[in-house]
């Protein structure tokens, strides 16, 4: 089985422009492909994770990745999948985010001579002459066709700014530039990028007469869920300072039963033969599958040692043994205490388990909070310094654990 067939078997490919040519290139290690990452935050998140795994798979099969950091397109903001306009970032923030991305990506992709390269589209987009761009590139695009693109249709009701309208042209120009300067012959992206990707392939064919190909991967974190990548506390980041290895492990340990095998196929590097055996397991082994998924992905991102710690802590907590060594925790400062104590509602807010006191009250009313193994029913419950010194173990719902200390 070639790598192309494996991608299909794993459920990763949604649509391609020229399947026969793409299959031959990928299977023979002839793809010089790129995937773009806009630096909208100072850390990659699980929404980027599948793209990184895909790049790793293709590199292992002999293909050459070009990692494109969107330091230039970040000045505009991708309207795909948006109902509102993205916040504008300063050049300093954009550069900082680019630097953070590079450090994290080096854990997945092997960079170096005749290996992967990393480029930043700020290097060419920020120096473009607007009139020259209009004449050279703008003439290749039909406004009528652009307005039919799904990424724009989603924004038309609330208003699509002219700034955002330029995004497709910028992304298409990226592919042309990478083709001309780095020999890029293929681009990959999530299925919400399909219109932009087609724009790039057509631009190359019109301007150079060369073949260029586009392939959209079925990003589970894109097409089925912007839901995946979100938790009650916000996004699931690859940076351990933003999402701890334990929280990362717990996120994958708690995916919906229906998504477990899909995630194992798409995201882990377990052999397909082994995965097929797991598909035949009885339903009673669903938690075993979830543990395998969580362990494999935590190992990929944070290393085997951290994955083992997270797994041991999770097993202990669910079995009631109470090992909280690697449990996410919050230190409560003296300023948050009143008469040497903190109320349970304030504690939930301080630990960022709820976003407001009203939400904390509702959660308690619904029976969704336990502390040190006891369900909380009294809004007046409070904890003093001695209790905090020992560690107050909070359980939110069935799956979120947190510890408060002084």
Protein backbone atom coordinates (compact mmCIF):
# COMPACT_ATOMS: atom_id res chain seq x y z
CA UNK A 1 0.00 0.00 0.00
CA UNK A 2 1.37 3.40 -1.00
CA UNK A 3 1.12 6.48 1.21
CA UNK A 4 -1.74 7.83 -0.93
CA UNK A 5 -3.77 4.67 -0.39
CA UNK A 6 -2.95 4.82 3.30
CA UNK A 7 -4.27 8.39 3.53
CA UNK A 8 -7.52 7.22 1.94
CA UNK A 9 -7.71 4.21 4.27
CA UNK A 10 -7.28 6.51 7.26
CA UNK A 11 -10.12 8.74 6.05
CA UNK A 12 -7.92 11.77 5.53
CA UNK A 13 -8.65 12.76 1.94
CA UNK A 14 -11.84 14.64 1.08
CA UNK A 15 -11.19 15.91 -2.45
CA UNK A 16 -8.34 16.38 -4.90
CA UNK A 17 -7.89 18.21 -8.19
CA UNK A 18 -6.01 15.59 -10.24
CA UNK A 19 -6.06 12.26 -8.47
CA UNK A 20 -3.90 10.20 -10.83
CA UNK A 21 -1.09 12.76 -10.87
CA UNK A 22 -1.28 13.38 -7.12
CA UNK A 23 -1.22 9.66 -6.36
CA UNK A 24 1.87 9.12 -8.50
CA UNK A 25 3.73 12.10 -7.01
CA UNK A 26 2.99 11.22 -3.40
CA UNK A 27 3.67 7.51 -3.70
CA UNK A 28 7.01 8.18 -5.41
CA UNK A 29 8.10 10.87 -2.96
CA UNK A 30 7.85 13.57 -5.64
CA UNK A 31 5.54 15.99 -3.86
CA UNK A 32 6.95 19.32 -2.75
CA UNK A 33 3.89 20.40 -0.84
CA UNK A 34 2.92 23.18 1.50
CA UNK A 35 0.42 23.77 4.26
CA UNK A 36 -0.16 27.26 5.64
CA UNK A 37 -0.52 28.23 9.29
CA UNK A 38 -1.72 31.72 10.17
CA UNK A 39 -0.16 32.85 13.48
CA UNK A 40 -3.37 34.03 15.17
CA UNK A 41 -2.13 32.97 18.64
CA UNK A 42 1.18 32.28 20.39
CA UNK A 43 0.65 28.51 20.28
CA UNK A 44 -0.55 25.88 17.87
CA UNK A 45 -3.71 24.04 18.96
CA UNK A 46 -5.33 20.72 18.18
CA UNK A 47 -6.92 22.28 15.11
CA UNK A 48 -3.38 22.36 13.63
CA UNK A 49 -2.50 18.93 14.95
CA UNK A 50 -3.91 16.89 12.08
CA UNK A 51 -2.10 19.02 9.50
CA UNK A 52 1.19 18.49 11.36
CA UNK A 53 0.57 14.74 11.52
CA UNK A 54 -0.17 14.71 7.79
CA UNK A 55 3.07 16.54 7.03
CA UNK A 56 4.96 14.05 9.16
CA UNK A 57 3.38 11.07 7.34
CA UNK A 58 4.22 12.51 3.93
CA UNK A 59 7.78 13.39 4.94
CA UNK A 60 8.31 9.85 6.23
CA UNK A 61 7.26 8.66 2.74
CA UNK A 62 9.96 10.79 1.09
CA UNK A 63 7.96 13.90 0.19
CA UNK A 64 9.25 17.41 0.99
CA UNK A 65 7.14 19.67 3.23
CA UNK A 66 7.15 23.45 2.97
CA UNK A 67 5.75 24.93 6.17
CA UNK A 68 4.27 28.31 5.38
CA UNK A 69 3.84 30.68 8.30
CA UNK A 70 1.31 33.35 7.41
CA UNK A 71 3.08 36.34 8.86
CA UNK A 72 1.80 38.40 5.92
CA UNK A 73 -1.73 37.04 5.51
CA UNK A 74 -2.19 37.47 9.27
CA UNK A 75 -2.36 41.20 8.56
CA UNK A 76 -5.62 40.50 6.72
CA UNK A 77 -7.22 37.50 8.43
CA UNK A 78 -8.77 34.43 6.84
CA UNK A 79 -12.59 34.76 6.57
CA UNK A 80 -13.03 30.97 6.16
CA UNK A 81 -15.33 29.53 8.79
CA UNK A 82 -15.92 32.95 10.32
CA UNK A 83 -19.13 34.83 11.01
CA UNK A 84 -17.25 37.96 12.08
CA UNK A 85 -14.02 39.73 11.24
CA UNK A 86 -10.84 38.67 13.02
CA UNK A 87 -9.16 41.09 15.40
CA UNK A 88 -6.29 43.05 13.91
CA UNK A 89 -2.86 42.17 15.31
CA UNK A 90 0.21 44.36 15.56
CA UNK A 91 3.37 43.40 13.62
CA UNK A 92 5.11 42.66 16.93
CA UNK A 93 2.43 40.19 18.04
CA UNK A 94 2.43 38.51 14.63
CA UNK A 95 6.21 38.04 14.72
CA UNK A 96 6.09 36.69 18.28
CA UNK A 97 3.43 34.16 17.30
CA UNK A 98 5.49 33.08 14.27
CA UNK A 99 8.50 32.44 16.51
CA UNK A 100 6.38 30.33 18.88
CA UNK A 101 4.99 28.25 16.00
CA UNK A 102 8.44 27.41 14.72
CA UNK A 103 9.61 26.03 18.07
CA UNK A 104 6.55 23.78 18.35
CA UNK A 105 6.65 22.55 14.75
CA UNK A 106 10.21 21.32 15.11
CA UNK A 107 8.84 18.55 17.35
CA UNK A 108 6.91 17.11 14.40
CA UNK A 109 8.73 18.04 11.22
CA UNK A 110 12.38 17.40 10.39
CA UNK A 111 13.91 20.60 9.03
CA UNK A 112 17.23 20.90 7.29
CA UNK A 113 19.04 20.53 3.98
CA UNK A 114 16.97 18.46 1.54
CA UNK A 115 14.31 18.05 4.22
CA UNK A 116 11.50 20.38 5.27
CA UNK A 117 11.80 24.13 5.01
CA UNK A 118 9.92 26.89 6.80
CA UNK A 119 9.04 30.15 5.08
CA UNK A 120 7.08 33.24 6.09
CA UNK A 121 4.86 34.93 3.51
CA UNK A 122 5.57 38.29 5.13
CA UNK A 123 8.89 38.10 3.27
CA UNK A 124 7.14 38.61 -0.07
CA UNK A 125 3.62 39.86 0.63
CA UNK A 126 4.65 42.96 2.60
CA UNK A 127 6.84 44.20 -0.26
CA UNK A 128 4.24 43.81 -3.00
CA UNK A 129 3.36 46.80 -5.14
CA UNK A 130 -0.42 47.09 -5.13
CA UNK A 131 -0.78 48.25 -8.73
CA UNK A 132 1.55 45.53 -9.98
CA UNK A 133 -0.39 42.93 -8.00
CA UNK A 134 -3.70 44.09 -9.47
CA UNK A 135 -2.34 43.90 -13.01
CA UNK A 136 -0.39 40.67 -12.59
CA UNK A 137 -2.64 38.63 -10.31
CA UNK A 138 -5.98 40.41 -9.95
CA UNK A 139 -6.71 40.05 -13.65
CA UNK A 140 -6.70 36.25 -13.25
CA UNK A 141 -9.64 36.25 -10.81
CA UNK A 142 -13.36 36.51 -11.53
CA UNK A 143 -15.28 38.39 -8.85
CA UNK A 144 -18.38 36.38 -9.74
CA UNK A 145 -16.55 33.13 -9.05
CA UNK A 146 -15.02 34.46 -5.85
CA UNK A 147 -18.42 35.44 -4.45
CA UNK A 148 -19.66 31.91 -5.02
CA UNK A 149 -16.87 30.54 -2.83
CA UNK A 150 -18.11 29.03 0.42
CA UNK A 151 -15.57 30.95 2.51
CA UNK A 152 -17.11 34.24 1.37
CA UNK A 153 -20.76 33.20 1.36
CA UNK A 154 -20.59 32.57 5.11
CA UNK A 155 -19.55 36.18 5.68
CA UNK A 156 -21.87 37.97 3.25
CA UNK A 157 -24.82 38.25 5.63
CA UNK A 158 -22.91 40.13 8.32
CA UNK A 159 -20.74 41.98 5.85
CA UNK A 160 -17.53 40.96 4.11
CA UNK A 161 -14.85 43.64 4.27
CA UNK A 162 -12.75 44.44 1.21
CA UNK A 163 -9.74 43.60 3.38
CA UNK A 164 -10.97 40.02 3.84
CA UNK A 165 -12.04 39.78 0.20
CA UNK A 166 -8.35 39.99 -0.73
CA UNK A 167 -7.46 36.88 1.28
CA UNK A 168 -8.07 34.44 -1.57
CA UNK A 169 -5.80 36.44 -3.86
CA UNK A 170 -3.07 36.56 -1.21
CA UNK A 171 -3.24 32.81 -0.55
CA UNK A 172 -3.24 32.06 -4.27
CA UNK A 173 -0.23 34.31 -4.74
CA UNK A 174 1.53 32.36 -1.97
CA UNK A 175 1.23 29.16 -4.00
CA UNK A 176 2.51 30.91 -7.13
CA UNK A 177 5.48 32.32 -5.22
CA UNK A 178 6.31 28.98 -3.59
CA UNK A 179 6.01 27.26 -6.97
CA UNK A 180 8.34 29.72 -8.66
CA UNK A 181 10.92 29.97 -5.87
CA UNK A 182 10.83 26.60 -4.09
CA UNK A 183 9.45 24.19 -6.68
CA UNK A 184 6.17 23.65 -4.78
CA UNK A 185 3.82 21.49 -6.85
CA UNK A 186 1.06 20.70 -4.35
CA UNK A 187 -0.84 22.25 -1.49
CA UNK A 188 -2.81 20.65 1.31
CA UNK A 189 -5.38 22.19 3.59
CA UNK A 190 -8.62 21.71 5.44
CA UNK A 191 -11.79 21.43 3.42
CA UNK A 192 -12.85 24.96 4.41
CA UNK A 193 -9.84 26.15 2.37
CA UNK A 194 -10.87 24.48 -0.87
CA UNK A 195 -11.89 27.64 -2.74
CA UNK A 196 -8.65 29.39 -1.83
CA UNK A 197 -6.63 26.34 -2.84
CA UNK A 198 -8.30 26.09 -6.23
CA UNK A 199 -7.51 29.77 -6.76
CA UNK A 200 -3.83 29.01 -6.28
CA UNK A 201 -3.73 26.04 -8.64
CA UNK A 202 -5.53 27.98 -11.37
CA UNK A 203 -3.25 31.00 -10.92
CA UNK A 204 -0.13 28.85 -11.43
CA UNK A 205 -1.58 27.24 -14.54
CA UNK A 206 -2.54 30.61 -16.01
CA UNK A 207 0.74 32.36 -15.19
CA UNK A 208 3.26 29.57 -15.85
CA UNK A 209 1.48 26.85 -17.79
CA UNK A 210 2.79 24.36 -15.19
CA UNK A 211 0.71 21.76 -13.42
CA UNK A 212 -0.08 22.39 -9.78
CA UNK A 213 -2.30 20.26 -7.60
CA UNK A 214 -4.51 20.74 -4.58
CA UNK A 215 -5.67 18.22 -2.05
CA UNK A 216 -7.96 18.93 0.84
CA UNK A 217 -7.70 16.73 3.89
CA UNK A 218 -10.77 15.87 5.90
CA UNK A 219 -9.80 17.76 8.97
CA UNK A 220 -11.82 16.20 11.75
CA UNK A 221 -11.10 19.37 13.68
CA UNK A 222 -12.38 21.46 10.81
CA UNK A 223 -15.22 19.82 8.96
CA UNK A 224 -16.77 18.05 11.93
CA UNK A 225 -15.95 20.27 14.52
CA UNK A 226 -14.67 23.34 15.43
CA UNK A 227 -16.14 21.58 18.50
CA UNK A 228 -12.95 19.55 18.72
CA UNK A 229 -10.26 21.78 20.02
CA UNK A 230 -12.56 23.39 22.56
CA UNK A 231 -13.10 22.50 26.19
CA UNK A 232 -14.97 24.14 29.00
CA UNK A 233 -11.83 26.18 29.68
CA UNK A 234 -11.11 27.22 26.11
CA UNK A 235 -8.88 25.96 23.32
CA UNK A 236 -6.70 22.87 23.62
CA UNK A 237 -3.17 24.09 22.95
CA UNK A 238 0.00 22.19 22.11
CA UNK A 239 1.97 24.45 24.45
CA UNK A 240 2.20 22.65 27.84
CA UNK A 241 2.09 26.02 29.62
CA UNK A 242 -1.37 26.67 28.16
CA UNK A 243 -2.75 23.11 28.19
CA UNK A 244 -0.92 20.75 30.53
CA UNK A 245 -0.03 17.21 29.35
CA UNK A 246 -2.65 15.91 31.80
CA UNK A 247 -5.35 18.17 30.33
CA UNK A 248 -4.25 17.24 26.83
CA UNK A 249 -4.46 13.54 27.70
CA UNK A 250 -7.87 14.01 29.32
CA UNK A 251 -9.18 15.83 26.26
CA UNK A 252 -8.51 12.84 24.03
CA UNK A 253 -9.50 10.37 26.76
CA UNK A 254 -12.94 11.99 26.79
CA UNK A 255 -13.77 12.18 23.07
CA UNK A 256 -17.19 10.91 22.07
CA UNK A 257 -17.42 7.14 21.68
CA UNK A 258 -18.44 7.54 18.04
CA UNK A 259 -15.25 9.51 17.23
CA UNK A 260 -12.64 7.29 18.91
CA UNK A 261 -11.74 5.01 16.00
CA UNK A 262 -11.91 7.91 13.56
CA UNK A 263 -9.36 9.81 15.66
CA UNK A 264 -7.13 6.75 16.01
CA UNK A 265 -7.09 6.28 12.24
CA UNK A 266 -6.50 9.92 11.38
CA UNK A 267 -4.12 11.02 14.09
CA UNK A 268 -2.07 8.12 15.44
CA UNK A 269 0.80 6.38 13.69
CA UNK A 270 -0.35 2.93 14.74
CA UNK A 271 -0.21 0.42 11.83
CA UNK A 272 -3.48 0.00 9.97
CA UNK A 273 -3.42 -3.75 10.67
CA UNK A 274 -3.43 -3.06 14.40
CA UNK A 275 -6.21 -0.49 14.01
CA UNK A 276 -8.36 -2.97 12.07
CA UNK A 277 -8.01 -5.43 14.94
CA UNK A 278 -9.16 -2.74 17.38
CA UNK A 279 -12.22 -2.07 15.22
CA UNK A 280 -13.29 -5.65 15.93
CA UNK A 281 -13.11 -5.23 19.69
CA UNK A 282 -16.32 -5.49 21.67
CA UNK A 283 -18.06 -2.30 22.80
CA UNK A 284 -17.05 -3.01 26.38
CA UNK A 285 -13.44 -2.15 25.45
CA UNK A 286 -14.25 1.45 24.44
CA UNK A 287 -12.31 2.91 27.37
CA UNK A 288 -9.26 0.87 26.37
CA UNK A 289 -9.46 2.42 22.91
CA UNK A 290 -9.72 5.88 24.43
CA UNK A 291 -6.66 5.26 26.59
CA UNK A 292 -4.68 4.16 23.54
CA UNK A 293 -5.75 7.28 21.64
CA UNK A 294 -4.92 9.62 24.51
CA UNK A 295 -1.56 7.98 25.21
CA UNK A 296 -0.43 7.94 21.58
CA UNK A 297 -1.31 11.59 20.94
CA UNK A 298 0.08 12.85 24.24
CA UNK A 299 3.32 11.00 23.46
CA UNK A 300 3.49 12.68 20.05
CA UNK A 301 3.07 16.18 21.48
CA UNK A 302 4.66 15.99 24.93
CA UNK A 303 6.83 12.87 24.88
CA UNK A 304 6.37 9.36 26.24
CA UNK A 305 7.36 10.25 29.81
CA UNK A 306 4.70 12.95 30.14
CA UNK A 307 2.15 10.64 28.52
CA UNK A 308 2.89 7.94 31.09
CA UNK A 309 2.50 10.42 33.94
CA UNK A 310 -0.79 11.70 32.56
CA UNK A 311 -2.11 8.18 32.07
CA UNK A 312 -1.14 7.11 35.58
CA UNK A 313 -2.82 10.16 37.11
CA UNK A 314 -5.98 9.70 35.05
CA UNK A 315 -6.28 6.03 35.96
CA UNK A 316 -5.78 6.77 39.64
CA UNK A 317 -8.39 9.53 39.67
CA UNK A 318 -11.01 7.47 37.88
CA UNK A 319 -10.39 4.49 40.12
CA UNK A 320 -10.74 6.69 43.21
CA UNK A 321 -7.18 6.20 44.41
CA UNK A 322 -6.65 9.95 44.27
CA UNK A 323 -3.13 10.42 42.91
CA UNK A 324 -3.19 14.09 42.02
CA UNK A 325 0.50 14.59 41.24
CA UNK A 326 -0.08 15.75 37.65
CA UNK A 327 -3.57 17.16 38.09
CA UNK A 328 -4.01 20.73 36.76
CA UNK A 329 -3.90 23.10 39.70
CA UNK A 330 -4.35 26.73 40.66
CA UNK A 331 -2.61 28.53 43.51
CA UNK A 332 -5.00 30.72 45.48
CA UNK A 333 -3.40 33.96 46.68
CA UNK A 334 -4.13 35.56 50.07
CA UNK A 335 -5.85 38.45 48.28
CA UNK A 336 -8.66 36.10 47.24
CA UNK A 337 -9.39 35.09 50.84
CA UNK A 338 -11.98 36.76 53.03
CA UNK A 339 -11.41 36.26 56.75
CA UNK A 340 -8.93 33.56 55.81
CA UNK A 341 -11.39 31.61 53.64
CA UNK A 342 -12.62 31.37 50.05
CA UNK A 343 -16.18 30.54 49.04
CA UNK A 344 -16.76 27.58 46.71
CA UNK A 345 -18.29 29.85 44.04
CA UNK A 346 -15.27 32.18 44.13
CA UNK A 347 -13.02 29.12 44.08
CA UNK A 348 -14.59 27.79 40.87
CA UNK A 349 -14.07 31.18 39.23
CA UNK A 350 -10.51 31.50 40.52
CA UNK A 351 -9.66 28.08 39.03
CA UNK A 352 -11.30 29.17 35.75
CA UNK A 353 -13.65 26.21 35.89
CA UNK A 354 -16.49 28.68 35.38
CA UNK A 355 -16.50 32.09 33.74
CA UNK A 356 -18.86 33.78 36.22
CA UNK A 357 -20.41 33.39 39.65
CA UNK A 358 -23.79 32.83 37.99
CA UNK A 359 -22.41 29.93 35.99
CA UNK A 360 -20.84 28.51 39.17
CA UNK A 361 -24.18 28.63 40.99
CA UNK A 362 -25.99 26.93 38.12
CA UNK A 363 -23.35 24.22 37.96
CA UNK A 364 -23.72 23.53 41.69
CA UNK A 365 -27.53 23.56 41.44
CA UNK A 366 -27.33 20.95 38.68
CA UNK A 367 -25.15 18.71 40.84
CA UNK A 368 -22.11 19.18 38.64
CA UNK A 369 -19.50 19.97 41.31
CA UNK A 370 -17.79 17.67 43.81
CA UNK A 371 -15.03 18.64 46.23
CA UNK A 372 -12.79 16.04 47.85
CA UNK A 373 -15.21 13.33 46.77
CA UNK A 374 -18.37 15.01 48.15
CA UNK A 375 -21.05 16.58 45.95
CA UNK A 376 -21.46 20.30 46.68
CA UNK A 377 -25.00 21.42 47.52
CA UNK A 378 -24.33 24.47 49.71
CA UNK A 379 -23.45 27.79 48.06
CA UNK A 380 -21.96 28.96 51.38
CA UNK A 381 -19.35 26.19 51.49
CA UNK A 382 -15.89 27.68 52.01
CA UNK A 383 -12.31 26.54 52.50
CA UNK A 384 -9.64 27.90 54.83
CA UNK A 385 -5.87 28.01 54.45
CA UNK A 386 -5.40 24.64 56.09
CA UNK A 387 -7.76 22.96 53.60
CA UNK A 388 -6.04 24.70 50.69
CA UNK A 389 -2.62 23.72 52.03
CA UNK A 390 -3.67 20.06 51.84
CA UNK A 391 -5.13 20.64 48.37
CA UNK A 392 -8.82 21.00 47.51
CA UNK A 393 -9.69 18.52 44.77
CA UNK A 394 -12.51 19.73 42.55
CA UNK A 395 -14.40 17.57 40.09
CA UNK A 396 -16.50 19.37 37.48
CA UNK A 397 -18.96 17.13 35.73
CA UNK A 398 -17.71 13.59 35.16
CA UNK A 399 -14.37 14.26 33.53
CA UNK A 400 -12.72 17.52 34.59
CA UNK A 401 -10.41 17.41 37.63
CA UNK A 402 -8.66 20.38 39.23
CA UNK A 403 -6.78 21.08 42.43
CA UNK A 404 -6.72 24.33 44.39
CA UNK A 405 -3.80 25.06 46.71
CA UNK A 406 -2.61 28.06 48.70
